[in-house]
Amino acid sequence: MSSSQILLQLKHQRLNRHKKPLKCSECGKFFTQRSSLTQHERIHTGEKPYICTKCGTCFRKQSNLTQHLRIHTGEKPYKCNECEKAFQTKAVLVQHLRIHTGEKPYKCNECGKAFCQSPSLIKHLRIHTGEKPYKCSECGKAFSQSICLTRHQRSHSGARPYKCNDCGKAFNQSACLMQHQRIHSGEKPYTCTKCGKAFTQNSSLVEHDRTHTGEKLYKCSECEKTFRKQAHLSEHYRIHTGEKPYECAVCGKAFRHSSALARHQRLHAGE
């Protein structure tokens, strides 16, 4: 079935929504077809008569079993006329078509931002609600997205599934591997529009841009001094805490900054 045929079918379904003569005796919901009512009633009875012969998973609808079987066969019958990409289900094709049409039917009532998929809107809404449904069983830290929890759990397990083919260094996130690979390729895709300096990471460009704007986002809670970089604030804060994490292995003297330790070690080297 082509994408144009699917769009026509969806239009036809919308035109017939007002005809609902069949009523569910359990919940009062109406349906236009007897088969649709029968399928719906299985929600109340729990009946799942359609069984996958490959893995034993059961379904209420024949159509759901048909879709599921494509996981085993790899069949993708729903093809996009715009880019030739194919999909296992009609619903996924409909979502994909919005990339080409620009349609974003799912709108946030809080800020007005729109999305082409309902799961994207659900994730976005957690910014406003503060909901974090994905909780780490190890430390209790909670996240708004399952992918964030998956990445976090690697900090406990030590798993680093993303490995560099050039040097063998491994990472717990694909984004970190991509950034690292630019060391080998020399690629610097983030360029400053003011001076032309290029960077391997967007975060480095953002920090650099503050040298032009003079913006200092990081403020000391003790003396209100401001800094362009988080690292500079962390170093400064040691003045207030007295922390000296850099210790000389020869004499035990400690320093607030690594550069101060390096200068000190030269004294021993010259002895």
C-alpha atoms as a PDB file:
ATOM      1  CA  MET A   1       0.000   0.000   0.000  1.00  0.00           C
ATOM      2  CA  SER A   2       1.470   3.362  -1.027  1.00  0.00           C
ATOM      3  CA  SER A   3       1.633   6.451   1.198  1.00  0.00           C
ATOM      4  CA  SER A   4      -0.937   8.259  -0.993  1.00  0.00           C
ATOM      5  CA  GLN A   5      -3.402   5.358  -0.589  1.00  0.00           C
ATOM      6  CA  ILE A   6      -2.918   5.435   3.175  1.00  0.00           C
ATOM      7  CA  LEU A   7      -3.665   9.167   3.322  1.00  0.00           C
ATOM      8  CA  LEU A   8      -6.884   8.593   1.324  1.00  0.00           C
ATOM      9  CA  GLN A   9      -7.863   5.762   3.675  1.00  0.00           C
ATOM     10  CA  LEU A  10      -7.306   7.952   6.729  1.00  0.00           C
ATOM     11  CA  LYS A  11      -9.442  10.696   5.162  1.00  0.00           C
ATOM     12  CA  HIS A  12     -12.235   8.162   4.521  1.00  0.00           C
ATOM     13  CA  GLN A  13     -12.066   6.981   8.140  1.00  0.00           C
ATOM     14  CA  ARG A  14     -12.440  10.556   9.411  1.00  0.00           C
ATOM     15  CA  LEU A  15     -15.546  11.079   7.244  1.00  0.00           C
ATOM     16  CA  ASN A  16     -17.225   8.003   8.738  1.00  0.00           C
ATOM     17  CA  ARG A  17     -16.434   8.683  12.395  1.00  0.00           C
ATOM     18  CA  HIS A  18     -19.859  10.211  13.097  1.00  0.00           C
ATOM     19  CA  LYS A  19     -21.663   6.928  12.256  1.00  0.00           C
ATOM     20  CA  LYS A  20     -21.485   4.872  15.476  1.00  0.00           C
ATOM     21  CA  PRO A  21     -24.590   2.651  15.836  1.00  0.00           C
ATOM     22  CA  LEU A  22     -23.004  -0.243  17.801  1.00  0.00           C
ATOM     23  CA  LYS A  23     -22.505   0.177  21.565  1.00  0.00           C
ATOM     24  CA  CYS A  24     -20.239  -1.726  23.970  1.00  0.00           C
ATOM     25  CA  SER A  25     -22.304  -3.052  26.900  1.00  0.00           C
ATOM     26  CA  GLU A  26     -19.321  -2.732  29.266  1.00  0.00           C
ATOM     27  CA  CYS A  27     -18.174   0.874  28.741  1.00  0.00           C
ATOM     28  CA  GLY A  28     -20.721   2.445  26.372  1.00  0.00           C
ATOM     29  CA  LYS A  29     -18.255   3.150  23.554  1.00  0.00           C
ATOM     30  CA  PHE A  30     -19.776   3.233  20.042  1.00  0.00           C
ATOM     31  CA  PHE A  31     -18.521   1.570  16.830  1.00  0.00           C
ATOM     32  CA  THR A  32     -19.485   1.648  13.145  1.00  0.00           C
ATOM     33  CA  GLN A  33     -18.680  -2.023  12.453  1.00  0.00           C
ATOM     34  CA  ARG A  34     -19.522  -5.267  14.278  1.00  0.00           C
ATOM     35  CA  SER A  35     -15.928  -6.515  13.843  1.00  0.00           C
ATOM     36  CA  SER A  36     -14.591  -3.370  15.546  1.00  0.00           C
ATOM     37  CA  LEU A  37     -16.943  -3.882  18.495  1.00  0.00           C
ATOM     38  CA  THR A  38     -15.898  -7.550  18.789  1.00  0.00           C
ATOM     39  CA  GLN A  39     -12.219  -6.572  18.844  1.00  0.00           C
ATOM     40  CA  HIS A  40     -12.919  -3.877  21.431  1.00  0.00           C
ATOM     41  CA  GLU A  41     -14.811  -6.272  23.726  1.00  0.00           C
ATOM     42  CA  ARG A  42     -11.627  -8.340  24.074  1.00  0.00           C
ATOM     43  CA  ILE A  43     -10.175  -5.434  26.103  1.00  0.00           C
ATOM     44  CA  HIS A  44     -12.776  -6.253  28.765  1.00  0.00           C
ATOM     45  CA  THR A  45     -12.593 -10.068  28.465  1.00  0.00           C
ATOM     46  CA  GLY A  46      -8.805 -10.264  28.080  1.00  0.00           C
ATOM     47  CA  GLU A  47      -9.193 -12.667  25.152  1.00  0.00           C
ATOM     48  CA  LYS A  48      -6.195 -12.842  22.790  1.00  0.00           C
ATOM     49  CA  PRO A  49      -7.030 -15.449  20.144  1.00  0.00           C
ATOM     50  CA  TYR A  50      -4.241 -14.638  17.653  1.00  0.00           C
ATOM     51  CA  ILE A  51      -0.975 -16.401  18.540  1.00  0.00           C
ATOM     52  CA  CYS A  52       2.447 -15.981  16.920  1.00  0.00           C
ATOM     53  CA  THR A  53       3.784 -19.418  15.928  1.00  0.00           C
ATOM     54  CA  LYS A  54       7.365 -18.084  16.076  1.00  0.00           C
ATOM     55  CA  CYS A  55       7.526 -16.768  19.650  1.00  0.00           C
ATOM     56  CA  GLY A  56       4.130 -17.428  21.256  1.00  0.00           C
ATOM     57  CA  THR A  57       3.081 -13.787  21.738  1.00  0.00           C
ATOM     58  CA  CYS A  58      -0.725 -13.380  21.757  1.00  0.00           C
ATOM     59  CA  PHE A  59      -2.838 -10.556  20.312  1.00  0.00           C
ATOM     60  CA  ARG A  60      -6.440  -9.359  20.394  1.00  0.00           C
ATOM     61  CA  LYS A  61      -6.455  -8.418  16.697  1.00  0.00           C
ATOM     62  CA  GLN A  62      -5.406 -10.292  13.564  1.00  0.00           C
ATOM     63  CA  SER A  63      -3.892  -7.043  12.264  1.00  0.00           C
ATOM     64  CA  ASN A  64      -1.644  -6.774  15.336  1.00  0.00           C
ATOM     65  CA  LEU A  65      -0.389 -10.331  14.780  1.00  0.00           C
ATOM     66  CA  THR A  66       0.254  -9.534  11.105  1.00  0.00           C
ATOM     67  CA  GLN A  67       2.305  -6.476  12.099  1.00  0.00           C
ATOM     68  CA  HIS A  68       4.184  -8.469  14.748  1.00  0.00           C
ATOM     69  CA  LEU A  69       5.144 -11.232  12.282  1.00  0.00           C
ATOM     70  CA  ARG A  70       7.099  -8.638  10.272  1.00  0.00           C
ATOM     71  CA  ILE A  71       9.582  -8.493  13.158  1.00  0.00           C
ATOM     72  CA  HIS A  72      10.440 -12.123  12.357  1.00  0.00           C
ATOM     73  CA  THR A  73      10.245 -11.852   8.538  1.00  0.00           C
ATOM     74  CA  GLY A  74      11.772  -8.371   8.173  1.00  0.00           C
ATOM     75  CA  GLU A  75       8.977  -7.404   5.751  1.00  0.00           C
ATOM     76  CA  LYS A  76       8.409  -3.647   5.279  1.00  0.00           C
ATOM     77  CA  PRO A  77       5.361  -3.230   3.006  1.00  0.00           C
ATOM     78  CA  TYR A  78       4.681   0.466   3.683  1.00  0.00           C
ATOM     79  CA  LYS A  79       6.840   2.578   1.383  1.00  0.00           C
ATOM     80  CA  CYS A  80       7.278   6.355   1.330  1.00  0.00           C
ATOM     81  CA  ASN A  81       6.740   7.859  -2.136  1.00  0.00           C
ATOM     82  CA  GLU A  82       8.999  10.793  -1.304  1.00  0.00           C
ATOM     83  CA  CYS A  83      12.220   9.073  -0.236  1.00  0.00           C
ATOM     84  CA  GLU A  84      11.636   5.316  -0.844  1.00  0.00           C
ATOM     85  CA  LYS A  85      12.126   4.504   2.846  1.00  0.00           C
ATOM     86  CA  ALA A  86      10.015   1.493   3.933  1.00  0.00           C
ATOM     87  CA  PHE A  87       8.301   0.616   7.218  1.00  0.00           C
ATOM     88  CA  GLN A  88       6.705  -2.396   8.920  1.00  0.00           C
ATOM     89  CA  THR A  89       3.508  -0.579   9.974  1.00  0.00           C
ATOM     90  CA  LYS A  90       1.192   2.025   8.488  1.00  0.00           C
ATOM     91  CA  ALA A  91       1.297   4.116  11.674  1.00  0.00           C
ATOM     92  CA  VAL A  92       5.075   4.528  11.462  1.00  0.00           C
ATOM     93  CA  LEU A  93       4.818   5.534   7.781  1.00  0.00           C
ATOM     94  CA  VAL A  94       2.181   8.162   8.642  1.00  0.00           C
ATOM     95  CA  GLN A  95       4.538   9.602  11.277  1.00  0.00           C
ATOM     96  CA  HIS A  96       7.429   9.551   8.797  1.00  0.00           C
ATOM     97  CA  LEU A  97       5.401  11.394   6.131  1.00  0.00           C
ATOM     98  CA  ARG A  98       5.243  14.404   8.464  1.00  0.00           C
ATOM     99  CA  ILE A  99       8.982  14.903   7.881  1.00  0.00           C
ATOM    100  CA  HIS A 100       8.141  15.704   4.255  1.00  0.00           C
ATOM    101  CA  THR A 101       4.875  17.602   4.844  1.00  0.00           C
ATOM    102  CA  GLY A 102       6.129  19.538   7.872  1.00  0.00           C
ATOM    103  CA  GLU A 103       2.925  18.680   9.747  1.00  0.00           C
ATOM    104  CA  LYS A 104       3.226  18.889  13.548  1.00  0.00           C
ATOM    105  CA  PRO A 105      -0.195  18.022  14.993  1.00  0.00           C
ATOM    106  CA  TYR A 106       0.918  17.516  18.608  1.00  0.00           C
ATOM    107  CA  LYS A 107       1.143  20.891  20.370  1.00  0.00           C
ATOM    108  CA  CYS A 108       2.254  21.724  23.912  1.00  0.00           C
ATOM    109  CA  ASN A 109      -0.428  23.682  25.790  1.00  0.00           C
ATOM    110  CA  GLU A 110       2.223  25.230  28.043  1.00  0.00           C
ATOM    111  CA  CYS A 111       4.622  26.808  25.543  1.00  0.00           C
ATOM    112  CA  GLY A 112       3.096  26.182  22.112  1.00  0.00           C
ATOM    113  CA  LYS A 113       5.944  24.027  20.787  1.00  0.00           C
ATOM    114  CA  ALA A 114       4.663  21.486  18.242  1.00  0.00           C
ATOM    115  CA  PHE A 115       5.804  17.959  17.376  1.00  0.00           C
ATOM    116  CA  CYS A 116       5.173  15.451  14.596  1.00  0.00           C
ATOM    117  CA  GLN A 117       4.912  12.496  17.015  1.00  0.00           C
ATOM    118  CA  SER A 118       2.937  12.122  20.249  1.00  0.00           C
ATOM    119  CA  PRO A 119       5.854  10.401  22.120  1.00  0.00           C
ATOM    120  CA  SER A 120       7.977  13.505  21.440  1.00  0.00           C
ATOM    121  CA  LEU A 121       5.284  15.722  22.977  1.00  0.00           C
ATOM    122  CA  ILE A 122       5.011  13.418  26.017  1.00  0.00           C
ATOM    123  CA  LYS A 123       8.788  13.659  26.574  1.00  0.00           C
ATOM    124  CA  HIS A 124       8.678  17.446  26.141  1.00  0.00           C
ATOM    125  CA  LEU A 125       5.822  17.877  28.653  1.00  0.00           C
ATOM    126  CA  ARG A 126       8.085  16.485  31.387  1.00  0.00           C
ATOM    127  CA  ILE A 127      10.134  19.699  31.109  1.00  0.00           C
ATOM    128  CA  HIS A 128       7.078  21.566  32.404  1.00  0.00           C
ATOM    129  CA  THR A 129       5.799  18.957  34.888  1.00  0.00           C
ATOM    130  CA  GLY A 130       9.201  17.908  36.219  1.00  0.00           C
ATOM    131  CA  GLU A 131       8.121  14.271  35.930  1.00  0.00           C
ATOM    132  CA  LYS A 132      10.994  11.773  35.961  1.00  0.00           C
ATOM    133  CA  PRO A 133       9.463   8.293  35.634  1.00  0.00           C
ATOM    134  CA  TYR A 134      12.695   6.401  34.906  1.00  0.00           C
ATOM    135  CA  LYS A 135      14.515   5.602  38.160  1.00  0.00           C
ATOM    136  CA  CYS A 136      17.916   3.982  38.645  1.00  0.00           C
ATOM    137  CA  SER A 137      17.646   0.847  40.812  1.00  0.00           C
ATOM    138  CA  GLU A 138      21.255   1.311  41.976  1.00  0.00           C
ATOM    139  CA  CYS A 139      21.272   4.888  43.297  1.00  0.00           C
ATOM    140  CA  GLY A 140      17.689   6.132  42.982  1.00  0.00           C
ATOM    141  CA  LYS A 141      18.490   8.939  40.542  1.00  0.00           C
ATOM    142  CA  ALA A 142      15.505   9.639  38.273  1.00  0.00           C
ATOM    143  CA  PHE A 143      15.301  10.713  34.620  1.00  0.00           C
ATOM    144  CA  SER A 144      12.665  12.076  32.259  1.00  0.00           C
ATOM    145  CA  GLN A 145      13.703   9.775  29.377  1.00  0.00           C
ATOM    146  CA  SER A 146      14.525   6.060  29.281  1.00  0.00           C
ATOM    147  CA  ILE A 147      17.606   6.680  27.099  1.00  0.00           C
ATOM    148  CA  CYS A 148      19.031   8.974  29.812  1.00  0.00           C
ATOM    149  CA  LEU A 149      18.555   6.209  32.391  1.00  0.00           C
ATOM    150  CA  THR A 150      20.273   3.687  30.087  1.00  0.00           C
ATOM    151  CA  ARG A 151      23.297   5.993  29.709  1.00  0.00           C
ATOM    152  CA  HIS A 152      23.393   6.632  33.469  1.00  0.00           C
ATOM    153  CA  GLN A 153      23.290   2.909  34.325  1.00  0.00           C
ATOM    154  CA  ARG A 154      26.551   2.457  32.441  1.00  0.00           C
ATOM    155  CA  SER A 155      28.228   4.579  35.145  1.00  0.00           C
ATOM    156  CA  HIS A 156      27.424   1.750  37.593  1.00  0.00           C
ATOM    157  CA  SER A 157      28.144  -1.195  35.296  1.00  0.00           C
ATOM    158  CA  GLY A 158      31.201   0.360  33.665  1.00  0.00           C
ATOM    159  CA  ALA A 159      29.874  -0.683  30.249  1.00  0.00           C
ATOM    160  CA  ARG A 160      31.468   1.170  27.340  1.00  0.00           C
ATOM    161  CA  PRO A 161      29.862  -0.290  24.210  1.00  0.00           C
ATOM    162  CA  TYR A 162      31.095   2.380  21.775  1.00  0.00           C
ATOM    163  CA  LYS A 163      34.682   1.679  20.689  1.00  0.00           C
ATOM    164  CA  CYS A 164      36.989   3.764  18.501  1.00  0.00           C
ATOM    165  CA  ASN A 165      38.303   1.777  15.512  1.00  0.00           C
ATOM    166  CA  ASP A 166      41.438   3.944  15.346  1.00  0.00           C
ATOM    167  CA  CYS A 167      42.804   3.709  18.888  1.00  0.00           C
ATOM    168  CA  GLY A 168      40.531   1.284  20.733  1.00  0.00           C
ATOM    169  CA  LYS A 169      39.313   3.794  23.317  1.00  0.00           C
ATOM    170  CA  ALA A 170      35.767   2.976  24.459  1.00  0.00           C
ATOM    171  CA  PHE A 171      32.890   5.219  25.545  1.00  0.00           C
ATOM    172  CA  ASN A 172      29.525   4.825  27.258  1.00  0.00           C
ATOM    173  CA  GLN A 173      27.734   7.133  24.796  1.00  0.00           C
ATOM    174  CA  SER A 174      27.725   7.190  20.982  1.00  0.00           C
ATOM    175  CA  ALA A 175      27.910  11.009  21.047  1.00  0.00           C
ATOM    176  CA  CYS A 176      31.162  10.833  23.050  1.00  0.00           C
ATOM    177  CA  LEU A 177      32.646   8.418  20.502  1.00  0.00           C
ATOM    178  CA  MET A 178      31.685  10.749  17.635  1.00  0.00           C
ATOM    179  CA  GLN A 179      33.373  13.687  19.382  1.00  0.00           C
ATOM    180  CA  HIS A 180      36.486  11.595  20.078  1.00  0.00           C
ATOM    181  CA  GLN A 181      36.780  10.414  16.460  1.00  0.00           C
ATOM    182  CA  ARG A 182      37.259  14.040  15.397  1.00  0.00           C
ATOM    183  CA  ILE A 183      40.682  13.894  17.102  1.00  0.00           C
ATOM    184  CA  HIS A 184      41.705  11.346  14.458  1.00  0.00           C
ATOM    185  CA  SER A 185      39.862  12.901  11.508  1.00  0.00           C
ATOM    186  CA  GLY A 186      40.738  16.506  12.365  1.00  0.00           C
ATOM    187  CA  GLU A 187      37.128  17.483  11.703  1.00  0.00           C
ATOM    188  CA  LYS A 188      36.003  20.711  13.384  1.00  0.00           C
ATOM    189  CA  PRO A 189      32.384  21.250  12.343  1.00  0.00           C
ATOM    190  CA  TYR A 190      31.587  24.055  14.800  1.00  0.00           C
ATOM    191  CA  THR A 191      32.881  27.411  13.513  1.00  0.00           C
ATOM    192  CA  CYS A 192      32.714  30.800  15.230  1.00  0.00           C
ATOM    193  CA  THR A 193      30.868  33.284  12.999  1.00  0.00           C
ATOM    194  CA  LYS A 194      32.786  36.193  14.568  1.00  0.00           C
ATOM    195  CA  CYS A 195      36.420  35.106  14.168  1.00  0.00           C
ATOM    196  CA  GLY A 196      36.331  31.865  12.161  1.00  0.00           C
ATOM    197  CA  LYS A 197      37.894  29.675  14.852  1.00  0.00           C
ATOM    198  CA  ALA A 198      36.657  26.074  14.593  1.00  0.00           C
ATOM    199  CA  PHE A 199      35.973  23.464  17.278  1.00  0.00           C
ATOM    200  CA  THR A 200      35.322  19.729  17.531  1.00  0.00           C
ATOM    201  CA  GLN A 201      32.472  20.194  20.028  1.00  0.00           C
ATOM    202  CA  ASN A 202      29.517  22.556  20.118  1.00  0.00           C
ATOM    203  CA  SER A 203      30.050  23.125  23.858  1.00  0.00           C
ATOM    204  CA  SER A 204      33.558  24.424  23.119  1.00  0.00           C
ATOM    205  CA  LEU A 205      32.133  26.866  20.568  1.00  0.00           C
ATOM    206  CA  VAL A 206      29.523  28.073  23.088  1.00  0.00           C
ATOM    207  CA  GLU A 207      32.270  28.712  25.667  1.00  0.00           C
ATOM    208  CA  HIS A 208      34.464  30.442  23.075  1.00  0.00           C
ATOM    209  CA  ASP A 209      31.608  32.700  21.967  1.00  0.00           C
ATOM    210  CA  ARG A 210      31.572  34.210  25.455  1.00  0.00           C
ATOM    211  CA  THR A 211      35.014  35.710  24.773  1.00  0.00           C
ATOM    212  CA  HIS A 212      33.270  37.883  22.179  1.00  0.00           C
ATOM    213  CA  THR A 213      30.088  38.649  24.124  1.00  0.00           C
ATOM    214  CA  GLY A 214      31.748  39.024  27.538  1.00  0.00           C
ATOM    215  CA  GLU A 215      28.992  36.867  29.016  1.00  0.00           C
ATOM    216  CA  LYS A 216      29.857  35.197  32.335  1.00  0.00           C
ATOM    217  CA  LEU A 217      27.203  32.650  33.303  1.00  0.00           C
ATOM    218  CA  TYR A 218      28.946  30.954  36.221  1.00  0.00           C
ATOM    219  CA  LYS A 219      28.656  32.871  39.498  1.00  0.00           C
ATOM    220  CA  CYS A 220      30.380  32.132  42.809  1.00  0.00           C
ATOM    221  CA  SER A 221      27.824  31.736  45.610  1.00  0.00           C
ATOM    222  CA  GLU A 222      30.371  32.991  48.175  1.00  0.00           C
ATOM    223  CA  CYS A 223      31.658  36.235  46.648  1.00  0.00           C
ATOM    224  CA  GLU A 224      29.495  36.620  43.488  1.00  0.00           C
ATOM    225  CA  LYS A 225      32.515  36.698  41.173  1.00  0.00           C
ATOM    226  CA  THR A 226      31.533  35.489  37.690  1.00  0.00           C
ATOM    227  CA  PHE A 227      33.281  33.267  35.149  1.00  0.00           C
ATOM    228  CA  ARG A 228      32.840  32.211  31.539  1.00  0.00           C
ATOM    229  CA  LYS A 229      33.581  28.531  32.217  1.00  0.00           C
ATOM    230  CA  GLN A 230      32.347  26.077  34.849  1.00  0.00           C
ATOM    231  CA  ALA A 231      35.930  24.781  35.221  1.00  0.00           C
ATOM    232  CA  HIS A 232      37.178  28.277  36.134  1.00  0.00           C
ATOM    233  CA  LEU A 233      34.443  28.645  38.772  1.00  0.00           C
ATOM    234  CA  SER A 234      35.343  25.239  40.255  1.00  0.00           C
ATOM    235  CA  GLU A 235      38.999  26.279  40.542  1.00  0.00           C
ATOM    236  CA  HIS A 236      38.060  29.643  42.083  1.00  0.00           C
ATOM    237  CA  TYR A 237      35.751  28.018  44.635  1.00  0.00           C
ATOM    238  CA  ARG A 238      38.738  26.270  46.226  1.00  0.00           C
ATOM    239  CA  ILE A 239      39.806  29.679  47.601  1.00  0.00           C
ATOM    240  CA  HIS A 240      36.709  29.575  49.810  1.00  0.00           C
ATOM    241  CA  THR A 241      36.751  25.858  50.674  1.00  0.00           C
ATOM    242  CA  GLY A 242      40.513  25.591  51.152  1.00  0.00           C
ATOM    243  CA  GLU A 243      40.555  22.446  49.011  1.00  0.00           C
ATOM    244  CA  LYS A 244      43.973  21.573  47.552  1.00  0.00           C
ATOM    245  CA  PRO A 245      43.524  18.417  45.460  1.00  0.00           C
ATOM    246  CA  TYR A 246      46.940  18.465  43.727  1.00  0.00           C
ATOM    247  CA  GLU A 247      49.617  16.964  45.995  1.00  0.00           C
ATOM    248  CA  CYS A 248      53.338  16.676  45.370  1.00  0.00           C
ATOM    249  CA  ALA A 249      54.474  13.043  45.482  1.00  0.00           C
ATOM    250  CA  VAL A 250      57.970  14.096  46.650  1.00  0.00           C
ATOM    251  CA  CYS A 251      57.281  16.386  49.627  1.00  0.00           C
ATOM    252  CA  GLY A 252      53.524  16.162  50.164  1.00  0.00           C
ATOM    253  CA  LYS A 253      52.827  19.865  49.605  1.00  0.00           C
ATOM    254  CA  ALA A 254      49.341  20.441  48.153  1.00  0.00           C
ATOM    255  CA  PHE A 255      48.012  23.002  45.682  1.00  0.00           C
ATOM    256  CA  ARG A 256      44.682  24.321  44.446  1.00  0.00           C
ATOM    257  CA  HIS A 257      45.664  24.214  40.758  1.00  0.00           C
ATOM    258  CA  SER A 258      47.460  21.609  38.646  1.00  0.00           C
ATOM    259  CA  SER A 259      49.570  24.388  37.089  1.00  0.00           C
ATOM    260  CA  ALA A 260      50.861  25.390  40.542  1.00  0.00           C
ATOM    261  CA  LEU A 261      51.834  21.772  41.256  1.00  0.00           C
ATOM    262  CA  ALA A 262      53.667  21.578  37.910  1.00  0.00           C
ATOM    263  CA  ARG A 263      55.688  24.728  38.741  1.00  0.00           C
ATOM    264  CA  HIS A 264      56.491  23.353  42.197  1.00  0.00           C
ATOM    265  CA  GLN A 265      57.681  19.994  40.818  1.00  0.00           C
ATOM    266  CA  ARG A 266      60.283  21.823  38.716  1.00  0.00           C
ATOM    267  CA  LEU A 267      61.958  22.845  41.991  1.00  0.00           C
ATOM    268  CA  HIS A 268      62.521  19.179  42.815  1.00  0.00           C
ATOM    269  CA  ALA A 269      63.684  18.455  39.262  1.00  0.00           C
ATOM    270  CA  GLY A 270      66.359  21.140  39.617  1.00  0.00           C
ATOM    271  CA  GLU A 271      67.678  19.766  42.915  1.00  0.00           C
END
